[in-house]
Amino acid sequence: MANAIHWFEIPSKNFDRACAFYSRIMEWDIQKINHENGIKYGFLPIGTQDEVGGAIVHGQGFAPSGKGSLVYLNAGPDLSVALSKVEKAGGKILTPKTSIGENGYMAQFIDTEGNRVALHSMK
């Protein structure tokens, strides 16, 4: 069965700042492009075409928000590593690492742009 989610976008007010934030906390190599449609994309790493992909975006029609849909990022084996970097990188922790039973652990933060985002790991 295919994933219910195929693609997500995290809006930014300051594209370079947002890319630096996620690169720092998640240790990602973010590939930046300026698309001909006037939108900047910072592509997040994916393993294969069958996996969920996403990007940090900047352009007309994109507005960061602390309300609405919540994206859970894969924080690897233990989300404590990424979460420990959130405030040093300019974000704010909303919900500390919290058990969600057999489904692992989650935490929520506000990024440098004002987006509410979550982390998930199994330990």
PDB file of N, CA and C in Angstrom:
ATOM      1  N   MET A   1       0.838  -1.181   0.000  1.00  0.00           N
ATOM      2  CA  MET A   1       0.000   0.000   0.000  1.00  0.00           C
ATOM      3  C   MET A   1       0.883   1.244   0.000  1.00  0.00           C
ATOM      4  N   ALA A   2       0.524   2.220  -0.777  1.00  0.00           N
ATOM      5  CA  ALA A   2       1.293   3.459  -0.889  1.00  0.00           C
ATOM      6  C   ALA A   2       1.109   4.331   0.354  1.00  0.00           C
ATOM      7  N   ASN A   3       2.103   5.185   0.617  1.00  0.00           N
ATOM      8  CA  ASN A   3       1.989   6.140   1.717  1.00  0.00           C
ATOM      9  C   ASN A   3       0.823   7.084   1.474  1.00  0.00           C
ATOM     10  N   ALA A   4       0.154   7.492   2.539  1.00  0.00           N
ATOM     11  CA  ALA A   4      -0.933   8.468   2.426  1.00  0.00           C
ATOM     12  C   ALA A   4      -0.383   9.857   2.109  1.00  0.00           C
ATOM     13  N   ILE A   5       0.838  10.122   2.512  1.00  0.00           N
ATOM     14  CA  ILE A   5       1.488  11.410   2.256  1.00  0.00           C
ATOM     15  C   ILE A   5       2.591  11.189   1.230  1.00  0.00           C
ATOM     16  N   HIS A   6       2.679  12.093   0.257  1.00  0.00           N
ATOM     17  CA  HIS A   6       3.707  11.992  -0.774  1.00  0.00           C
ATOM     18  C   HIS A   6       4.724  13.130  -0.663  1.00  0.00           C
ATOM     19  N   TRP A   7       4.260  14.328  -0.302  1.00  0.00           N
ATOM     20  CA  TRP A   7       5.114  15.510  -0.322  1.00  0.00           C
ATOM     21  C   TRP A   7       4.636  16.498   0.725  1.00  0.00           C
ATOM     22  N   PHE A   8       5.551  17.217   1.366  1.00  0.00           N
ATOM     23  CA  PHE A   8       5.182  18.297   2.285  1.00  0.00           C
ATOM     24  C   PHE A   8       6.127  19.469   2.072  1.00  0.00           C
ATOM     25  N   GLU A   9       5.662  20.654   2.440  1.00  0.00           N
ATOM     26  CA  GLU A   9       6.466  21.865   2.317  1.00  0.00           C
ATOM     27  C   GLU A   9       6.413  22.637   3.631  1.00  0.00           C
ATOM     28  N   ILE A  10       7.573  23.097   4.087  1.00  0.00           N
ATOM     29  CA  ILE A  10       7.688  23.896   5.303  1.00  0.00           C
ATOM     30  C   ILE A  10       7.975  25.330   4.865  1.00  0.00           C
ATOM     31  N   PRO A  11       7.018  26.251   5.046  1.00  0.00           N
ATOM     32  CA  PRO A  11       7.198  27.625   4.581  1.00  0.00           C
ATOM     33  C   PRO A  11       8.244  28.393   5.393  1.00  0.00           C
ATOM     34  N   SER A  12       8.863  29.371   4.751  1.00  0.00           N
ATOM     35  CA  SER A  12       9.863  30.188   5.435  1.00  0.00           C
ATOM     36  C   SER A  12       9.653  31.667   5.143  1.00  0.00           C
ATOM     37  N   LYS A  13      10.021  32.494   6.136  1.00  0.00           N
ATOM     38  CA  LYS A  13      10.081  33.950   5.948  1.00  0.00           C
ATOM     39  C   LYS A  13      11.466  34.315   5.424  1.00  0.00           C
ATOM     40  N   ASN A  14      12.468  33.641   5.973  1.00  0.00           N
ATOM     41  CA  ASN A  14      13.864  33.854   5.596  1.00  0.00           C
ATOM     42  C   ASN A  14      14.415  32.486   5.180  1.00  0.00           C
ATOM     43  N   PHE A  15      14.506  32.272   3.878  1.00  0.00           N
ATOM     44  CA  PHE A  15      14.851  30.969   3.317  1.00  0.00           C
ATOM     45  C   PHE A  15      16.189  30.440   3.833  1.00  0.00           C
ATOM     46  N   ASP A  16      17.229  31.260   3.777  1.00  0.00           N
ATOM     47  CA  ASP A  16      18.553  30.797   4.196  1.00  0.00           C
ATOM     48  C   ASP A  16      18.592  30.460   5.682  1.00  0.00           C
ATOM     49  N   ARG A  17      17.920  31.268   6.488  1.00  0.00           N
ATOM     50  CA  ARG A  17      17.869  31.001   7.932  1.00  0.00           C
ATOM     51  C   ARG A  17      17.158  29.671   8.208  1.00  0.00           C
ATOM     52  N   ALA A  18      16.037  29.437   7.518  1.00  0.00           N
ATOM     53  CA  ALA A  18      15.283  28.189   7.709  1.00  0.00           C
ATOM     54  C   ALA A  18      16.109  26.981   7.283  1.00  0.00           C
ATOM     55  N   CYS A  19      16.772  27.079   6.142  1.00  0.00           N
ATOM     56  CA  CYS A  19      17.613  25.965   5.680  1.00  0.00           C
ATOM     57  C   CYS A  19      18.738  25.691   6.672  1.00  0.00           C
ATOM     58  N   ALA A  20      19.345  26.755   7.195  1.00  0.00           N
ATOM     59  CA  ALA A  20      20.425  26.588   8.173  1.00  0.00           C
ATOM     60  C   ALA A  20      19.909  25.929   9.452  1.00  0.00           C
ATOM     61  N   PHE A  21      18.715  26.310   9.900  1.00  0.00           N
ATOM     62  CA  PHE A  21      18.119  25.727  11.104  1.00  0.00           C
ATOM     63  C   PHE A  21      17.937  24.219  10.951  1.00  0.00           C
ATOM     64  N   TYR A  22      17.271  23.803   9.873  1.00  0.00           N
ATOM     65  CA  TYR A  22      17.006  22.368   9.689  1.00  0.00           C
ATOM     66  C   TYR A  22      18.281  21.583   9.394  1.00  0.00           C
ATOM     67  N   SER A  23      19.202  22.199   8.687  1.00  0.00           N
ATOM     68  CA  SER A  23      20.484  21.549   8.432  1.00  0.00           C
ATOM     69  C   SER A  23      21.223  21.300   9.751  1.00  0.00           C
ATOM     70  N   ARG A  24      21.149  22.273  10.639  1.00  0.00           N
ATOM     71  CA  ARG A  24      21.856  22.151  11.918  1.00  0.00           C
ATOM     72  C   ARG A  24      21.206  21.117  12.838  1.00  0.00           C
ATOM     73  N   ILE A  25      19.888  21.200  13.027  1.00  0.00           N
ATOM     74  CA  ILE A  25      19.278  20.293  14.010  1.00  0.00           C
ATOM     75  C   ILE A  25      19.161  18.863  13.501  1.00  0.00           C
ATOM     76  N   MET A  26      18.940  18.695  12.201  1.00  0.00           N
ATOM     77  CA  MET A  26      18.737  17.354  11.650  1.00  0.00           C
ATOM     78  C   MET A  26      19.992  16.782  10.983  1.00  0.00           C
ATOM     79  N   GLU A  27      21.037  17.615  10.839  1.00  0.00           N
ATOM     80  CA  GLU A  27      22.277  17.220  10.161  1.00  0.00           C
ATOM     81  C   GLU A  27      22.000  16.780   8.725  1.00  0.00           C
ATOM     82  N   TRP A  28      21.155  17.564   8.047  1.00  0.00           N
ATOM     83  CA  TRP A  28      20.785  17.281   6.663  1.00  0.00           C
ATOM     84  C   TRP A  28      21.601  18.124   5.698  1.00  0.00           C
ATOM     85  N   ASP A  29      21.853  17.576   4.532  1.00  0.00           N
ATOM     86  CA  ASP A  29      22.407  18.321   3.407  1.00  0.00           C
ATOM     87  C   ASP A  29      21.201  18.761   2.574  1.00  0.00           C
ATOM     88  N   ILE A  30      20.844  20.032   2.653  1.00  0.00           N
ATOM     89  CA  ILE A  30      19.658  20.555   1.973  1.00  0.00           C
ATOM     90  C   ILE A  30      20.072  21.126   0.620  1.00  0.00           C
ATOM     91  N   GLN A  31      19.441  20.630  -0.437  1.00  0.00           N
ATOM     92  CA  GLN A  31      19.743  21.060  -1.804  1.00  0.00           C
ATOM     93  C   GLN A  31      18.846  22.237  -2.178  1.00  0.00           C
ATOM     94  N   LYS A  32      19.441  23.422  -2.381  1.00  0.00           N
ATOM     95  CA  LYS A  32      18.671  24.640  -2.658  1.00  0.00           C
ATOM     96  C   LYS A  32      18.581  24.907  -4.155  1.00  0.00           C
ATOM     97  N   ILE A  33      17.380  25.298  -4.594  1.00  0.00           N
ATOM     98  CA  ILE A  33      17.206  25.757  -5.977  1.00  0.00           C
ATOM     99  C   ILE A  33      16.243  26.936  -6.001  1.00  0.00           C
ATOM    100  N   ASN A  34      16.415  27.792  -6.996  1.00  0.00           N
ATOM    101  CA  ASN A  34      15.456  28.850  -7.300  1.00  0.00           C
ATOM    102  C   ASN A  34      14.692  28.382  -8.519  1.00  0.00           C
ATOM    103  N   HIS A  35      13.423  28.063  -8.338  1.00  0.00           N
ATOM    104  CA  HIS A  35      12.606  27.546  -9.440  1.00  0.00           C
ATOM    105  C   HIS A  35      12.163  28.692 -10.334  1.00  0.00           C
ATOM    106  N   GLU A  36      11.910  28.390 -11.598  1.00  0.00           N
ATOM    107  CA  GLU A  36      11.463  29.404 -12.556  1.00  0.00           C
ATOM    108  C   GLU A  36      10.123  30.023 -12.173  1.00  0.00           C
ATOM    109  N   ASN A  37       9.359  29.365 -11.291  1.00  0.00           N
ATOM    110  CA  ASN A  37       8.081  29.918 -10.841  1.00  0.00           C
ATOM    111  C   ASN A  37       8.254  30.964  -9.739  1.00  0.00           C
ATOM    112  N   GLY A  38       9.513  31.287  -9.394  1.00  0.00           N
ATOM    113  CA  GLY A  38       9.800  32.306  -8.395  1.00  0.00           C
ATOM    114  C   GLY A  38       9.878  31.773  -6.972  1.00  0.00           C
ATOM    115  N   ILE A  39       9.697  30.487  -6.797  1.00  0.00           N
ATOM    116  CA  ILE A  39       9.738  29.888  -5.467  1.00  0.00           C
ATOM    117  C   ILE A  39      11.107  29.258  -5.224  1.00  0.00           C
ATOM    118  N   LYS A  40      11.621  29.487  -4.030  1.00  0.00           N
ATOM    119  CA  LYS A  40      12.867  28.842  -3.613  1.00  0.00           C
ATOM    120  C   LYS A  40      12.516  27.541  -2.910  1.00  0.00           C
ATOM    121  N   TYR A  41      13.257  26.486  -3.226  1.00  0.00           N
ATOM    122  CA  TYR A  41      13.064  25.179  -2.614  1.00  0.00           C
ATOM    123  C   TYR A  41      14.365  24.716  -1.978  1.00  0.00           C
ATOM    124  N   GLY A  42      14.270  24.231  -0.768  1.00  0.00           N
ATOM    125  CA  GLY A  42      15.381  23.571  -0.089  1.00  0.00           C
ATOM    126  C   GLY A  42      14.973  22.126   0.100  1.00  0.00           C
ATOM    127  N   PHE A  43      15.386  21.260  -0.820  1.00  0.00           N
ATOM    128  CA  PHE A  43      14.941  19.867  -0.813  1.00  0.00           C
ATOM    129  C   PHE A  43      15.580  19.089   0.331  1.00  0.00           C
ATOM    130  N   LEU A  44      14.729  18.413   1.092  1.00  0.00           N
ATOM    131  CA  LEU A  44      15.180  17.591   2.205  1.00  0.00           C
ATOM    132  C   LEU A  44      15.550  16.214   1.683  1.00  0.00           C
ATOM    133  N   PRO A  45      16.473  15.524   2.342  1.00  0.00           N
ATOM    134  CA  PRO A  45      16.919  14.225   1.830  1.00  0.00           C
ATOM    135  C   PRO A  45      15.816  13.165   1.857  1.00  0.00           C
ATOM    136  N   ILE A  46      15.785  12.347   0.798  1.00  0.00           N
ATOM    137  CA  ILE A  46      14.911  11.171   0.752  1.00  0.00           C
ATOM    138  C   ILE A  46      15.745  10.006   0.244  1.00  0.00           C
ATOM    139  N   GLY A  47      15.342   8.805   0.607  1.00  0.00           N
ATOM    140  CA  GLY A  47      16.089   7.621   0.200  1.00  0.00           C
ATOM    141  C   GLY A  47      15.775   7.184  -1.216  1.00  0.00           C
ATOM    142  N   THR A  48      14.483   7.029  -1.526  1.00  0.00           N
ATOM    143  CA  THR A  48      14.062   6.571  -2.851  1.00  0.00           C
ATOM    144  C   THR A  48      12.839   7.362  -3.293  1.00  0.00           C
ATOM    145  N   GLN A  49      12.468   7.215  -4.548  1.00  0.00           N
ATOM    146  CA  GLN A  49      11.297   7.910  -5.084  1.00  0.00           C
ATOM    147  C   GLN A  49      10.004   7.450  -4.422  1.00  0.00           C
ATOM    148  N   ASP A  50      10.004   6.281  -3.803  1.00  0.00           N
ATOM    149  CA  ASP A  50       8.802   5.759  -3.157  1.00  0.00           C
ATOM    150  C   ASP A  50       8.595   6.312  -1.749  1.00  0.00           C
ATOM    151  N   GLU A  51       9.561   7.058  -1.239  1.00  0.00           N
ATOM    152  CA  GLU A  51       9.458   7.597   0.111  1.00  0.00           C
ATOM    153  C   GLU A  51       8.853   8.997   0.088  1.00  0.00           C
ATOM    154  N   VAL A  52       8.367   9.440   1.228  1.00  0.00           N
ATOM    155  CA  VAL A  52       7.803  10.781   1.359  1.00  0.00           C
ATOM    156  C   VAL A  52       8.926  11.799   1.223  1.00  0.00           C
ATOM    157  N   GLY A  53       8.691  12.839   0.440  1.00  0.00           N
ATOM    158  CA  GLY A  53       9.663  13.900   0.253  1.00  0.00           C
ATOM    159  C   GLY A  53       9.138  15.214   0.780  1.00  0.00           C
ATOM    160  N   GLY A  54      10.038  16.182   0.909  1.00  0.00           N
ATOM    161  CA  GLY A  54       9.623  17.486   1.393  1.00  0.00           C
ATOM    162  C   GLY A  54      10.669  18.533   1.114  1.00  0.00           C
ATOM    163  N   ALA A  55      10.281  19.786   1.356  1.00  0.00           N
ATOM    164  CA  ALA A  55      11.183  20.901   1.104  1.00  0.00           C
ATOM    165  C   ALA A  55      10.849  22.072   2.010  1.00  0.00           C
ATOM    166  N   ILE A  56      11.848  22.879   2.264  1.00  0.00           N
ATOM    167  CA  ILE A  56      11.650  24.197   2.844  1.00  0.00           C
ATOM    168  C   ILE A  56      11.365  25.094   1.652  1.00  0.00           C
ATOM    169  N   VAL A  57      10.340  25.934   1.749  1.00  0.00           N
ATOM    170  CA  VAL A  57       9.945  26.754   0.608  1.00  0.00           C
ATOM    171  C   VAL A  57       9.850  28.222   0.999  1.00  0.00           C
ATOM    172  N   HIS A  58      10.054  29.079  -0.006  1.00  0.00           N
ATOM    173  CA  HIS A  58       9.920  30.523   0.189  1.00  0.00           C
ATOM    174  C   HIS A  58       9.388  31.128  -1.099  1.00  0.00           C
ATOM    175  N   GLY A  59       8.333  31.887  -0.972  1.00  0.00           N
ATOM    176  CA  GLY A  59       7.761  32.555  -2.134  1.00  0.00           C
ATOM    177  C   GLY A  59       6.338  32.995  -1.855  1.00  0.00           C
ATOM    178  N   GLN A  60       5.764  33.650  -2.836  1.00  0.00           N
ATOM    179  CA  GLN A  60       4.401  34.150  -2.706  1.00  0.00           C
ATOM    180  C   GLN A  60       3.433  32.996  -2.430  1.00  0.00           C
ATOM    181  N   GLY A  61       2.549  33.210  -1.464  1.00  0.00           N
ATOM    182  CA  GLY A  61       1.552  32.202  -1.130  1.00  0.00           C
ATOM    183  C   GLY A  61       1.962  31.259  -0.015  1.00  0.00           C
ATOM    184  N   PHE A  62       3.186  31.362   0.470  1.00  0.00           N
ATOM    185  CA  PHE A  62       3.657  30.507   1.561  1.00  0.00           C
ATOM    186  C   PHE A  62       3.815  31.341   2.824  1.00  0.00           C
ATOM    187  N   ALA A  63       3.163  30.918   3.903  1.00  0.00           N
ATOM    188  CA  ALA A  63       3.221  31.649   5.168  1.00  0.00           C
ATOM    189  C   ALA A  63       3.435  30.673   6.320  1.00  0.00           C
ATOM    190  N   PRO A  64       4.515  30.846   7.068  1.00  0.00           N
ATOM    191  CA  PRO A  64       4.732  29.997   8.231  1.00  0.00           C
ATOM    192  C   PRO A  64       3.570  30.108   9.216  1.00  0.00           C
ATOM    193  N   SER A  65       3.319  29.026   9.956  1.00  0.00           N
ATOM    194  CA  SER A  65       2.211  29.033  10.905  1.00  0.00           C
ATOM    195  C   SER A  65       2.466  28.063  12.049  1.00  0.00           C
ATOM    196  N   GLY A  66       2.003  28.450  13.207  1.00  0.00           N
ATOM    197  CA  GLY A  66       2.058  27.575  14.365  1.00  0.00           C
ATOM    198  C   GLY A  66       0.751  26.827  14.563  1.00  0.00           C
ATOM    199  N   LYS A  67      -0.168  26.978  13.606  1.00  0.00           N
ATOM    200  CA  LYS A  67      -1.484  26.339  13.686  1.00  0.00           C
ATOM    201  C   LYS A  67      -1.701  25.485  12.444  1.00  0.00           C
ATOM    202  N   GLY A  68      -2.626  24.574  12.523  1.00  0.00           N
ATOM    203  CA  GLY A  68      -2.961  23.762  11.353  1.00  0.00           C
ATOM    204  C   GLY A  68      -2.240  22.434  11.344  1.00  0.00           C
ATOM    205  N   SER A  69      -1.990  21.924  10.159  1.00  0.00           N
ATOM    206  CA  SER A  69      -1.364  20.603   9.997  1.00  0.00           C
ATOM    207  C   SER A  69      -0.013  20.548  10.692  1.00  0.00           C
ATOM    208  N   LEU A  70       0.323  19.373  11.183  1.00  0.00           N
ATOM    209  CA  LEU A  70       1.584  19.177  11.889  1.00  0.00           C
ATOM    210  C   LEU A  70       2.396  18.108  11.173  1.00  0.00           C
ATOM    211  N   VAL A  71       3.609  18.453  10.781  1.00  0.00           N
ATOM    212  CA  VAL A  71       4.517  17.521  10.118  1.00  0.00           C
ATOM    213  C   VAL A  71       5.420  16.896  11.180  1.00  0.00           C
ATOM    214  N   TYR A  72       5.527  15.570  11.156  1.00  0.00           N
ATOM    215  CA  TYR A  72       6.433  14.838  12.044  1.00  0.00           C
ATOM    216  C   TYR A  72       7.659  14.428  11.235  1.00  0.00           C
ATOM    217  N   LEU A  73       8.816  14.946  11.614  1.00  0.00           N
ATOM    218  CA  LEU A  73      10.059  14.605  10.933  1.00  0.00           C
ATOM    219  C   LEU A  73      10.684  13.373  11.580  1.00  0.00           C
ATOM    220  N   ASN A  74      11.270  12.525  10.757  1.00  0.00           N
ATOM    221  CA  ASN A  74      11.977  11.343  11.234  1.00  0.00           C
ATOM    222  C   ASN A  74      13.294  11.796  11.858  1.00  0.00           C
ATOM    223  N   ALA A  75      13.393  11.669  13.171  1.00  0.00           N
ATOM    224  CA  ALA A  75      14.582  12.131  13.883  1.00  0.00           C
ATOM    225  C   ALA A  75      15.585  11.012  14.131  1.00  0.00           C
ATOM    226  N   GLY A  76      15.507   9.944  13.345  1.00  0.00           N
ATOM    227  CA  GLY A  76      16.465   8.856  13.475  1.00  0.00           C
ATOM    228  C   GLY A  76      16.176   7.992  14.689  1.00  0.00           C
ATOM    229  N   PRO A  77      17.204   7.321  15.207  1.00  0.00           N
ATOM    230  CA  PRO A  77      16.991   6.374  16.296  1.00  0.00           C
ATOM    231  C   PRO A  77      16.494   7.028  17.594  1.00  0.00           C
ATOM    232  N   ASP A  78      16.960   8.265  17.903  1.00  0.00           N
ATOM    233  CA  ASP A  78      16.599   8.926  19.160  1.00  0.00           C
ATOM    234  C   ASP A  78      16.450  10.422  18.917  1.00  0.00           C
ATOM    235  N   LEU A  79      15.239  10.942  19.052  1.00  0.00           N
ATOM    236  CA  LEU A  79      14.980  12.351  18.760  1.00  0.00           C
ATOM    237  C   LEU A  79      15.675  13.305  19.717  1.00  0.00           C
ATOM    238  N   SER A  80      16.208  12.805  20.827  1.00  0.00           N
ATOM    239  CA  SER A  80      16.912  13.661  21.788  1.00  0.00           C
ATOM    240  C   SER A  80      18.069  14.410  21.144  1.00  0.00           C
ATOM    241  N   VAL A  81      18.719  13.796  20.174  1.00  0.00           N
ATOM    242  CA  VAL A  81      19.867  14.420  19.509  1.00  0.00           C
ATOM    243  C   VAL A  81      19.425  15.691  18.783  1.00  0.00           C
ATOM    244  N   ALA A  82      18.420  15.590  17.924  1.00  0.00           N
ATOM    245  CA  ALA A  82      17.928  16.760  17.189  1.00  0.00           C
ATOM    246  C   ALA A  82      17.293  17.773  18.137  1.00  0.00           C
ATOM    247  N   LEU A  83      16.495  17.306  19.081  1.00  0.00           N
ATOM    248  CA  LEU A  83      15.793  18.205  19.997  1.00  0.00           C
ATOM    249  C   LEU A  83      16.770  19.040  20.821  1.00  0.00           C
ATOM    250  N   SER A  84      17.913  18.465  21.175  1.00  0.00           N
ATOM    251  CA  SER A  84      18.907  19.194  21.973  1.00  0.00           C
ATOM    252  C   SER A  84      19.508  20.373  21.214  1.00  0.00           C
ATOM    253  N   LYS A  85      19.336  20.404  19.899  1.00  0.00           N
ATOM    254  CA  LYS A  85      19.903  21.471  19.072  1.00  0.00           C
ATOM    255  C   LYS A  85      18.899  22.563  18.727  1.00  0.00           C
ATOM    256  N   VAL A  86      17.612  22.334  18.993  1.00  0.00           N
ATOM    257  CA  VAL A  86      16.555  23.260  18.565  1.00  0.00           C
ATOM    258  C   VAL A  86      16.762  24.668  19.103  1.00  0.00           C
ATOM    259  N   GLU A  87      16.915  24.823  20.404  1.00  0.00           N
ATOM    260  CA  GLU A  87      17.025  26.164  20.980  1.00  0.00           C
ATOM    261  C   GLU A  87      18.350  26.826  20.626  1.00  0.00           C
ATOM    262  N   LYS A  88      19.426  26.059  20.543  1.00  0.00           N
ATOM    263  CA  LYS A  88      20.725  26.612  20.141  1.00  0.00           C
ATOM    264  C   LYS A  88      20.674  27.148  18.722  1.00  0.00           C
ATOM    265  N   ALA A  89      19.806  26.557  17.884  1.00  0.00           N
ATOM    266  CA  ALA A  89      19.688  26.969  16.482  1.00  0.00           C
ATOM    267  C   ALA A  89      18.635  28.061  16.283  1.00  0.00           C
ATOM    268  N   GLY A  90      17.975  28.499  17.364  1.00  0.00           N
ATOM    269  CA  GLY A  90      17.025  29.605  17.261  1.00  0.00           C
ATOM    270  C   GLY A  90      15.561  29.230  17.360  1.00  0.00           C
ATOM    271  N   GLY A  91      15.256  27.961  17.605  1.00  0.00           N
ATOM    272  CA  GLY A  91      13.869  27.525  17.753  1.00  0.00           C
ATOM    273  C   GLY A  91      13.448  27.497  19.211  1.00  0.00           C
ATOM    274  N   LYS A  92      12.217  27.051  19.450  1.00  0.00           N
ATOM    275  CA  LYS A  92      11.671  26.973  20.808  1.00  0.00           C
ATOM    276  C   LYS A  92      10.973  25.627  20.987  1.00  0.00           C
ATOM    277  N   ILE A  93      11.326  24.903  22.030  1.00  0.00           N
ATOM    278  CA  ILE A  93      10.687  23.614  22.314  1.00  0.00           C
ATOM    279  C   ILE A  93       9.322  23.859  22.941  1.00  0.00           C
ATOM    280  N   LEU A  94       8.296  23.253  22.357  1.00  0.00           N
ATOM    281  CA  LEU A  94       6.933  23.347  22.882  1.00  0.00           C
ATOM    282  C   LEU A  94       6.588  22.152  23.758  1.00  0.00           C
ATOM    283  N   THR A  95       6.894  20.955  23.271  1.00  0.00           N
ATOM    284  CA  THR A  95       6.610  19.711  23.981  1.00  0.00           C
ATOM    285  C   THR A  95       7.905  18.918  24.050  1.00  0.00           C
ATOM    286  N   PRO A  96       8.409  18.648  25.250  1.00  0.00           N
ATOM    287  CA  PRO A  96       9.640  17.861  25.348  1.00  0.00           C
ATOM    288  C   PRO A  96       9.407  16.433  24.871  1.00  0.00           C
ATOM    289  N   LYS A  97      10.469  15.678  24.801  1.00  0.00           N
ATOM    290  CA  LYS A  97      10.367  14.273  24.397  1.00  0.00           C
ATOM    291  C   LYS A  97       9.323  13.576  25.259  1.00  0.00           C
ATOM    292  N   THR A  98       8.338  12.978  24.580  1.00  0.00           N
ATOM    293  CA  THR A  98       7.188  12.378  25.251  1.00  0.00           C
ATOM    294  C   THR A  98       6.920  10.997  24.673  1.00  0.00           C
ATOM    295  N   SER A  99       6.698  10.025  25.535  1.00  0.00           N
ATOM    296  CA  SER A  99       6.380   8.675  25.077  1.00  0.00           C
ATOM    297  C   SER A  99       4.993   8.645  24.448  1.00  0.00           C
ATOM    298  N   ILE A 100       4.891   7.933  23.337  1.00  0.00           N
ATOM    299  CA  ILE A 100       3.587   7.663  22.728  1.00  0.00           C
ATOM    300  C   ILE A 100       3.393   6.142  22.662  1.00  0.00           C
ATOM    301  N   GLY A 101       3.833   5.504  23.749  1.00  0.00           N
ATOM    302  CA  GLY A 101       3.663   4.062  23.901  1.00  0.00           C
ATOM    303  C   GLY A 101       4.453   3.261  22.884  1.00  0.00           C
ATOM    304  N   GLU A 102       3.829   2.237  22.340  1.00  0.00           N
ATOM    305  CA  GLU A 102       4.508   1.349  21.392  1.00  0.00           C
ATOM    306  C   GLU A 102       4.881   2.050  20.093  1.00  0.00           C
ATOM    307  N   ASN A 103       4.390   3.277  19.893  1.00  0.00           N
ATOM    308  CA  ASN A 103       4.709   4.041  18.685  1.00  0.00           C
ATOM    309  C   ASN A 103       5.957   4.894  18.839  1.00  0.00           C
ATOM    310  N   GLY A 104       6.635   4.815  19.979  1.00  0.00           N
ATOM    311  CA  GLY A 104       7.896   5.516  20.160  1.00  0.00           C
ATOM    312  C   GLY A 104       7.763   6.796  20.963  1.00  0.00           C
ATOM    313  N   TYR A 105       8.411   7.857  20.448  1.00  0.00           N
ATOM    314  CA  TYR A 105       8.477   9.140  21.148  1.00  0.00           C
ATOM    315  C   TYR A 105       8.249  10.275  20.166  1.00  0.00           C
ATOM    316  N   MET A 106       7.744  11.398  20.712  1.00  0.00           N
ATOM    317  CA  MET A 106       7.555  12.594  19.902  1.00  0.00           C
ATOM    318  C   MET A 106       7.939  13.819  20.724  1.00  0.00           C
ATOM    319  N   ALA A 107       8.166  14.912  20.017  1.00  0.00           N
ATOM    320  CA  ALA A 107       8.402  16.222  20.626  1.00  0.00           C
ATOM    321  C   ALA A 107       7.942  17.260  19.613  1.00  0.00           C
ATOM    322  N   GLN A 108       7.592  18.454  20.092  1.00  0.00           N
ATOM    323  CA  GLN A 108       7.185  19.535  19.190  1.00  0.00           C
ATOM    324  C   GLN A 108       8.019  20.774  19.461  1.00  0.00           C
ATOM    325  N   PHE A 109       8.252  21.554  18.404  1.00  0.00           N
ATOM    326  CA  PHE A 109       8.987  22.804  18.534  1.00  0.00           C
ATOM    327  C   PHE A 109       8.448  23.835  17.548  1.00  0.00           C
ATOM    328  N   ILE A 110       8.833  25.084  17.768  1.00  0.00           N
ATOM    329  CA  ILE A 110       8.593  26.164  16.811  1.00  0.00           C
ATOM    330  C   ILE A 110       9.939  26.449  16.168  1.00  0.00           C
ATOM    331  N   ASP A 111       9.983  26.442  14.840  1.00  0.00           N
ATOM    332  CA  ASP A 111      11.252  26.703  14.152  1.00  0.00           C
ATOM    333  C   ASP A 111      11.527  28.206  14.078  1.00  0.00           C
ATOM    334  N   THR A 112      12.599  28.590  13.438  1.00  0.00           N
ATOM    335  CA  THR A 112      12.985  29.997  13.328  1.00  0.00           C
ATOM    336  C   THR A 112      11.979  30.825  12.540  1.00  0.00           C
ATOM    337  N   GLU A 113      11.104  30.171  11.801  1.00  0.00           N
ATOM    338  CA  GLU A 113      10.142  30.871  10.948  1.00  0.00           C
ATOM    339  C   GLU A 113       8.766  30.999  11.586  1.00  0.00           C
ATOM    340  N   GLY A 114       8.540  30.311  12.702  1.00  0.00           N
ATOM    341  CA  GLY A 114       7.237  30.330  13.365  1.00  0.00           C
ATOM    342  C   GLY A 114       6.376  29.122  13.072  1.00  0.00           C
ATOM    343  N   ASN A 115       6.927  28.121  12.386  1.00  0.00           N
ATOM    344  CA  ASN A 115       6.195  26.882  12.108  1.00  0.00           C
ATOM    345  C   ASN A 115       6.247  25.952  13.313  1.00  0.00           C
ATOM    346  N   ARG A 116       5.119  25.309  13.604  1.00  0.00           N
ATOM    347  CA  ARG A 116       5.078  24.247  14.614  1.00  0.00           C
ATOM    348  C   ARG A 116       5.380  22.943  13.891  1.00  0.00           C
ATOM    349  N   VAL A 117       6.413  22.242  14.337  1.00  0.00           N
ATOM    350  CA  VAL A 117       6.880  21.011  13.699  1.00  0.00           C
ATOM    351  C   VAL A 117       7.134  19.987  14.805  1.00  0.00           C
ATOM    352  N   ALA A 118       7.014  18.710  14.472  1.00  0.00           N
ATOM    353  CA  ALA A 118       7.254  17.653  15.456  1.00  0.00           C
ATOM    354  C   ALA A 118       8.386  16.737  15.002  1.00  0.00           C
ATOM    355  N   LEU A 119       8.970  16.068  15.966  1.00  0.00           N
ATOM    356  CA  LEU A 119       9.990  15.050  15.726  1.00  0.00           C
ATOM    357  C   LEU A 119       9.438  13.710  16.202  1.00  0.00           C
ATOM    358  N   HIS A 120       9.874  12.627  15.559  1.00  0.00           N
ATOM    359  CA  HIS A 120       9.472  11.284  15.971  1.00  0.00           C
ATOM    360  C   HIS A 120      10.687  10.367  15.949  1.00  0.00           C
ATOM    361  N   SER A 121      10.754   9.466  16.922  1.00  0.00           N
ATOM    362  CA  SER A 121      11.754   8.397  16.929  1.00  0.00           C
ATOM    363  C   SER A 121      11.189   7.230  17.732  1.00  0.00           C
ATOM    364  N   MET A 122      11.823   6.088  17.597  1.00  0.00           N
ATOM    365  CA  MET A 122      11.355   4.912  18.329  1.00  0.00           C
ATOM    366  C   MET A 122      11.959   4.802  19.727  1.00  0.00           C
ATOM    367  N   LYS A 123      13.048   5.550  20.000  1.00  0.00           N
ATOM    368  CA  LYS A 123      13.570   5.541  21.377  1.00  0.00           C
ATOM    369  C   LYS A 123      13.990   6.925  21.800  1.00  0.00           C
TER     370      LYS A 123
END
